[in-house]
């Protein structure tokens, strides 16, 4: 299994995900909001307790600050405020997340629902 994990970043470059429930989407690592949040908020990401947490688990937490090692920097605090706005504007359903895979030269799209 470990041998396959080295290909994961390349695989993710060929995917797009549509957030529904968030149980199959990594909050920091997957491109579910236009870009990976670890790239959008790198300072805040450096304070994350769990860098592999799902969107669902973040939503269930309720108090985002509990997901971070404290104290955080001013820059991380500003990035957190931006992320909280993003989280507040999400429309969440009970449906499974939708992963779209782009394969081949013609970029045909195939869908697979997440867990």
N, C-alpha and C. Protein backbone atom coordinates (compact mmCIF):
# COMPACT_ATOMS: atom_id res chain seq x y z
N UNK A 1 0.81 -1.19 0.00
CA UNK A 1 0.00 0.00 0.00
C UNK A 1 0.86 1.26 0.00
N UNK A 2 1.91 1.27 0.81
CA UNK A 2 2.75 2.47 0.90
C UNK A 2 3.32 2.87 -0.44
N UNK A 3 3.64 1.90 -1.30
CA UNK A 3 4.18 2.20 -2.62
C UNK A 3 3.21 3.01 -3.46
N UNK A 4 1.92 2.77 -3.28
CA UNK A 4 0.91 3.48 -4.06
C UNK A 4 0.69 4.91 -3.56
N UNK A 5 0.96 5.16 -2.31
CA UNK A 5 0.71 6.48 -1.74
C UNK A 5 1.54 7.57 -2.39
N UNK A 6 2.68 7.21 -2.96
CA UNK A 6 3.51 8.23 -3.61
C UNK A 6 2.82 8.79 -4.85
N UNK A 7 1.84 8.06 -5.39
CA UNK A 7 1.10 8.53 -6.57
C UNK A 7 -0.12 9.35 -6.22
N UNK A 8 -0.47 9.42 -4.95
CA UNK A 8 -1.68 10.12 -4.53
C UNK A 8 -1.73 11.58 -4.97
N UNK A 9 -0.66 12.36 -4.82
CA UNK A 9 -0.73 13.76 -5.28
C UNK A 9 -1.03 13.87 -6.78
N UNK A 10 -0.47 12.99 -7.59
CA UNK A 10 -0.73 13.01 -9.03
C UNK A 10 -2.18 12.64 -9.33
N UNK A 11 -2.68 11.67 -8.58
CA UNK A 11 -4.07 11.26 -8.75
C UNK A 11 -5.01 12.41 -8.40
N UNK A 12 -4.72 13.09 -7.30
CA UNK A 12 -5.59 14.19 -6.86
C UNK A 12 -5.58 15.36 -7.84
N UNK A 13 -4.49 15.52 -8.59
CA UNK A 13 -4.44 16.56 -9.61
C UNK A 13 -5.46 16.30 -10.71
N UNK A 14 -5.87 15.05 -10.86
CA UNK A 14 -6.83 14.67 -11.90
C UNK A 14 -8.25 14.54 -11.36
N UNK A 15 -8.50 15.07 -10.19
CA UNK A 15 -9.84 14.95 -9.59
C UNK A 15 -10.40 16.32 -9.22
N UNK A 16 -11.69 16.37 -9.18
CA UNK A 16 -12.43 17.51 -8.64
C UNK A 16 -13.48 16.91 -7.72
N UNK A 17 -13.76 17.58 -6.64
CA UNK A 17 -14.75 17.04 -5.70
C UNK A 17 -15.82 18.08 -5.46
N UNK A 18 -17.05 17.59 -5.39
CA UNK A 18 -18.19 18.44 -5.07
C UNK A 18 -18.62 18.10 -3.65
N UNK A 19 -18.50 19.06 -2.77
CA UNK A 19 -18.84 18.87 -1.37
C UNK A 19 -20.34 18.66 -1.20
N UNK A 20 -20.67 17.59 -0.50
CA UNK A 20 -22.05 17.32 -0.12
C UNK A 20 -22.10 17.21 1.41
N UNK A 21 -21.65 16.07 1.92
CA UNK A 21 -21.63 15.84 3.37
C UNK A 21 -20.24 16.09 3.97
N UNK A 22 -19.20 15.82 3.19
CA UNK A 22 -17.84 16.10 3.64
C UNK A 22 -17.10 14.95 4.28
N UNK A 23 -17.70 13.76 4.30
CA UNK A 23 -17.08 12.64 5.00
C UNK A 23 -15.90 12.03 4.24
N UNK A 24 -15.79 12.29 2.94
CA UNK A 24 -14.69 11.72 2.16
C UNK A 24 -13.70 12.79 1.68
N UNK A 25 -13.83 13.99 2.21
CA UNK A 25 -13.00 15.11 1.76
C UNK A 25 -12.10 15.58 2.90
N UNK A 26 -10.81 15.60 2.65
CA UNK A 26 -9.87 16.11 3.65
C UNK A 26 -9.93 17.64 3.65
N UNK A 27 -10.19 18.20 4.81
CA UNK A 27 -10.38 19.64 4.95
C UNK A 27 -9.20 20.44 4.42
N UNK A 28 -8.00 20.09 4.83
CA UNK A 28 -6.82 20.86 4.46
C UNK A 28 -6.22 20.43 3.12
N UNK A 29 -6.34 19.16 2.76
CA UNK A 29 -5.54 18.60 1.67
C UNK A 29 -6.27 18.49 0.33
N UNK A 30 -7.59 18.39 0.34
CA UNK A 30 -8.32 18.20 -0.92
C UNK A 30 -8.80 19.53 -1.49
N UNK A 31 -8.94 19.56 -2.80
CA UNK A 31 -9.39 20.76 -3.51
C UNK A 31 -10.91 20.77 -3.58
N UNK A 32 -11.55 21.22 -2.53
CA UNK A 32 -13.01 21.25 -2.47
C UNK A 32 -13.55 22.68 -2.47
N UNK A 33 -12.65 23.66 -2.39
CA UNK A 33 -13.09 25.05 -2.34
C UNK A 33 -12.31 25.90 -3.36
N UNK A 34 -11.93 25.30 -4.45
CA UNK A 34 -11.18 26.03 -5.46
C UNK A 34 -9.69 25.81 -5.38
N UNK A 35 -9.19 25.54 -4.20
CA UNK A 35 -7.79 25.18 -4.00
C UNK A 35 -7.65 24.53 -2.63
N UNK A 36 -6.53 23.86 -2.42
CA UNK A 36 -6.30 23.23 -1.12
C UNK A 36 -6.21 24.31 -0.05
N UNK A 37 -6.87 24.10 1.07
CA UNK A 37 -6.85 25.11 2.14
C UNK A 37 -5.46 25.26 2.76
N UNK A 38 -4.65 24.22 2.71
CA UNK A 38 -3.30 24.35 3.25
C UNK A 38 -2.49 25.34 2.42
N UNK A 39 -2.86 25.54 1.15
CA UNK A 39 -2.20 26.55 0.31
C UNK A 39 -2.83 27.92 0.49
N UNK A 40 -4.13 27.94 0.73
CA UNK A 40 -4.85 29.20 0.92
C UNK A 40 -4.51 29.84 2.26
N UNK A 41 -4.32 29.01 3.29
CA UNK A 41 -4.04 29.51 4.64
C UNK A 41 -2.86 28.75 5.24
N UNK A 42 -1.66 28.94 4.68
CA UNK A 42 -0.52 28.14 5.14
C UNK A 42 -0.11 28.38 6.59
N UNK A 43 -0.23 29.60 7.06
CA UNK A 43 0.13 29.91 8.45
C UNK A 43 -0.83 29.20 9.40
N UNK A 44 -2.12 29.26 9.11
CA UNK A 44 -3.11 28.59 9.95
C UNK A 44 -2.92 27.08 9.90
N UNK A 45 -2.63 26.56 8.72
CA UNK A 45 -2.39 25.13 8.55
C UNK A 45 -1.26 24.65 9.45
N UNK A 46 -0.26 25.48 9.66
CA UNK A 46 0.88 25.08 10.49
C UNK A 46 0.46 24.86 11.95
N UNK A 47 -0.67 25.39 12.37
CA UNK A 47 -1.18 25.22 13.74
C UNK A 47 -2.21 24.10 13.86
N UNK A 48 -2.58 23.46 12.75
CA UNK A 48 -3.62 22.42 12.77
C UNK A 48 -3.16 21.21 13.57
N UNK A 49 -4.00 20.75 14.47
CA UNK A 49 -3.71 19.55 15.26
C UNK A 49 -3.78 18.30 14.38
N UNK A 50 -4.77 18.26 13.50
CA UNK A 50 -4.99 17.09 12.64
C UNK A 50 -5.01 17.55 11.20
N UNK A 51 -3.94 17.32 10.49
CA UNK A 51 -3.83 17.77 9.11
C UNK A 51 -4.60 16.87 8.14
N UNK A 52 -5.16 15.77 8.64
CA UNK A 52 -5.93 14.85 7.80
C UNK A 52 -7.40 14.79 8.20
N UNK A 53 -7.89 15.80 8.87
CA UNK A 53 -9.29 15.83 9.30
C UNK A 53 -10.21 16.06 8.10
N UNK A 54 -11.39 15.46 8.15
CA UNK A 54 -12.35 15.63 7.05
C UNK A 54 -13.17 16.91 7.26
N UNK A 55 -13.79 17.35 6.17
CA UNK A 55 -14.69 18.52 6.25
C UNK A 55 -15.82 18.22 7.23
N UNK A 56 -16.34 17.02 7.19
CA UNK A 56 -17.43 16.63 8.10
C UNK A 56 -17.01 16.81 9.56
N UNK A 57 -15.82 16.33 9.92
CA UNK A 57 -15.35 16.41 11.31
C UNK A 57 -15.13 17.87 11.72
N UNK A 58 -14.67 18.70 10.81
CA UNK A 58 -14.50 20.13 11.11
C UNK A 58 -15.85 20.75 11.42
N UNK A 59 -16.84 20.45 10.60
CA UNK A 59 -18.19 21.00 10.82
C UNK A 59 -18.77 20.52 12.15
N UNK A 60 -18.53 19.26 12.49
CA UNK A 60 -19.07 18.70 13.73
C UNK A 60 -18.39 19.26 14.97
N UNK A 61 -17.18 19.74 14.83
CA UNK A 61 -16.42 20.25 15.97
C UNK A 61 -17.14 21.42 16.65
N UNK A 62 -17.69 22.31 15.84
CA UNK A 62 -18.40 23.45 16.42
C UNK A 62 -17.48 24.61 16.74
N UNK A 63 -16.44 24.40 17.50
CA UNK A 63 -15.51 25.46 17.87
C UNK A 63 -14.18 25.23 17.15
N UNK A 64 -13.99 25.94 16.04
CA UNK A 64 -12.83 25.73 15.18
C UNK A 64 -11.51 25.85 15.93
N UNK A 65 -11.45 26.73 16.90
CA UNK A 65 -10.21 26.97 17.64
C UNK A 65 -9.71 25.70 18.35
N UNK A 66 -10.63 24.78 18.66
CA UNK A 66 -10.25 23.52 19.30
C UNK A 66 -9.44 22.62 18.38
N UNK A 67 -9.45 22.92 17.09
CA UNK A 67 -8.72 22.14 16.10
C UNK A 67 -7.28 22.59 15.94
N UNK A 68 -6.89 23.61 16.71
CA UNK A 68 -5.58 24.23 16.53
C UNK A 68 -4.71 24.13 17.78
N UNK A 69 -3.40 24.10 17.56
CA UNK A 69 -2.46 24.26 18.66
C UNK A 69 -2.40 25.74 19.00
N UNK A 70 -2.55 26.06 20.26
CA UNK A 70 -2.58 27.46 20.70
C UNK A 70 -1.30 27.82 21.41
N UNK A 71 -0.93 29.07 21.43
CA UNK A 71 -1.56 30.22 20.78
C UNK A 71 -1.22 30.26 19.29
N UNK A 72 -2.04 30.97 18.50
CA UNK A 72 -1.77 31.11 17.08
C UNK A 72 -1.28 32.54 16.80
N UNK A 73 -0.63 32.71 15.68
CA UNK A 73 -0.10 34.02 15.29
C UNK A 73 -1.22 34.93 14.78
N UNK A 74 -0.92 36.21 14.65
CA UNK A 74 -1.90 37.16 14.11
C UNK A 74 -2.27 36.80 12.68
N UNK A 75 -1.28 36.40 11.89
CA UNK A 75 -1.54 36.01 10.50
C UNK A 75 -2.45 34.79 10.45
N UNK A 76 -2.21 33.81 11.32
CA UNK A 76 -3.05 32.62 11.38
C UNK A 76 -4.47 33.01 11.80
N UNK A 77 -4.60 33.95 12.72
CA UNK A 77 -5.91 34.40 13.17
C UNK A 77 -6.69 35.02 12.01
N UNK A 78 -6.02 35.85 11.21
CA UNK A 78 -6.67 36.46 10.04
C UNK A 78 -7.11 35.38 9.04
N UNK A 79 -6.25 34.40 8.82
CA UNK A 79 -6.60 33.32 7.91
C UNK A 79 -7.76 32.50 8.47
N UNK A 80 -7.80 32.33 9.78
CA UNK A 80 -8.91 31.61 10.40
C UNK A 80 -10.23 32.35 10.17
N UNK A 81 -10.20 33.65 10.27
CA UNK A 81 -11.42 34.43 10.04
C UNK A 81 -11.93 34.22 8.62
N UNK A 82 -11.03 34.17 7.65
CA UNK A 82 -11.42 33.92 6.26
C UNK A 82 -12.02 32.52 6.11
N UNK A 83 -11.38 31.53 6.74
CA UNK A 83 -11.90 30.16 6.66
C UNK A 83 -13.26 30.02 7.33
N UNK A 84 -13.45 30.72 8.43
CA UNK A 84 -14.74 30.65 9.10
C UNK A 84 -15.85 31.23 8.23
N UNK A 85 -15.53 32.26 7.43
CA UNK A 85 -16.51 32.79 6.48
C UNK A 85 -16.84 31.76 5.42
N UNK A 86 -15.82 31.07 4.93
CA UNK A 86 -16.04 30.01 3.94
C UNK A 86 -16.92 28.92 4.53
N UNK A 87 -16.59 28.48 5.74
CA UNK A 87 -17.37 27.42 6.39
C UNK A 87 -18.82 27.85 6.63
N UNK A 88 -19.00 29.11 6.99
CA UNK A 88 -20.34 29.62 7.24
C UNK A 88 -21.20 29.71 6.00
N UNK A 89 -20.57 29.78 4.84
CA UNK A 89 -21.32 29.91 3.60
C UNK A 89 -21.58 28.58 2.90
N UNK A 90 -21.11 27.48 3.48
CA UNK A 90 -21.27 26.17 2.85
C UNK A 90 -22.71 25.69 2.90
N UNK A 91 -23.13 25.05 1.83
CA UNK A 91 -24.40 24.35 1.81
C UNK A 91 -24.08 22.86 1.92
N UNK A 92 -24.44 22.27 3.02
CA UNK A 92 -24.13 20.86 3.29
C UNK A 92 -25.40 20.04 3.18
N UNK A 93 -25.26 18.88 2.57
CA UNK A 93 -26.39 17.95 2.47
C UNK A 93 -26.00 16.64 3.16
N UNK A 94 -26.92 15.73 3.22
CA UNK A 94 -26.64 14.40 3.76
C UNK A 94 -26.18 13.44 2.65
N UNK A 95 -26.08 13.95 1.42
CA UNK A 95 -25.67 13.12 0.28
C UNK A 95 -24.17 12.85 0.34
N UNK A 96 -23.75 11.82 -0.39
CA UNK A 96 -22.34 11.50 -0.48
C UNK A 96 -21.63 12.54 -1.35
N UNK A 97 -20.38 12.82 -1.01
CA UNK A 97 -19.56 13.71 -1.81
C UNK A 97 -19.41 13.13 -3.21
N UNK A 98 -19.25 14.00 -4.19
CA UNK A 98 -19.11 13.55 -5.57
C UNK A 98 -17.70 13.85 -6.05
N UNK A 99 -16.98 12.80 -6.39
CA UNK A 99 -15.62 12.91 -6.93
C UNK A 99 -15.69 12.74 -8.44
N UNK A 100 -15.07 13.67 -9.14
CA UNK A 100 -15.02 13.61 -10.60
C UNK A 100 -13.57 13.38 -11.02
N UNK A 101 -13.40 12.38 -11.84
CA UNK A 101 -12.06 12.01 -12.31
C UNK A 101 -11.94 12.36 -13.78
N UNK A 102 -10.86 13.01 -14.15
CA UNK A 102 -10.61 13.36 -15.54
C UNK A 102 -9.56 12.39 -16.06
N UNK A 103 -9.96 11.56 -17.03
CA UNK A 103 -9.07 10.53 -17.57
C UNK A 103 -8.83 10.78 -19.04
N UNK A 104 -7.64 10.47 -19.49
CA UNK A 104 -7.33 10.43 -20.92
C UNK A 104 -7.22 11.79 -21.58
N UNK A 105 -6.92 11.75 -22.87
CA UNK A 105 -6.69 12.96 -23.63
C UNK A 105 -7.95 13.78 -23.86
N UNK A 106 -9.09 13.12 -23.94
CA UNK A 106 -10.34 13.86 -24.20
C UNK A 106 -10.95 14.43 -22.93
N UNK A 107 -10.28 14.24 -21.80
CA UNK A 107 -10.73 14.78 -20.50
C UNK A 107 -12.17 14.41 -20.18
N UNK A 108 -12.58 13.22 -20.56
CA UNK A 108 -13.93 12.75 -20.21
C UNK A 108 -14.05 12.68 -18.70
N UNK A 109 -15.17 13.10 -18.20
CA UNK A 109 -15.40 13.14 -16.76
C UNK A 109 -16.14 11.90 -16.32
N UNK A 110 -15.66 11.26 -15.26
CA UNK A 110 -16.35 10.14 -14.66
C UNK A 110 -16.62 10.49 -13.22
N UNK A 111 -17.78 10.11 -12.71
CA UNK A 111 -18.15 10.43 -11.33
C UNK A 111 -18.12 9.20 -10.44
N UNK A 112 -17.80 9.45 -9.20
CA UNK A 112 -17.84 8.41 -8.18
C UNK A 112 -18.26 9.10 -6.88
N UNK A 113 -19.26 8.55 -6.22
CA UNK A 113 -19.67 9.15 -4.96
C UNK A 113 -18.77 8.66 -3.85
N UNK A 114 -18.42 9.58 -2.95
CA UNK A 114 -17.55 9.25 -1.83
C UNK A 114 -18.25 8.40 -0.81
N UNK A 115 -17.51 8.04 0.22
CA UNK A 115 -18.02 7.15 1.26
C UNK A 115 -19.13 7.76 2.06
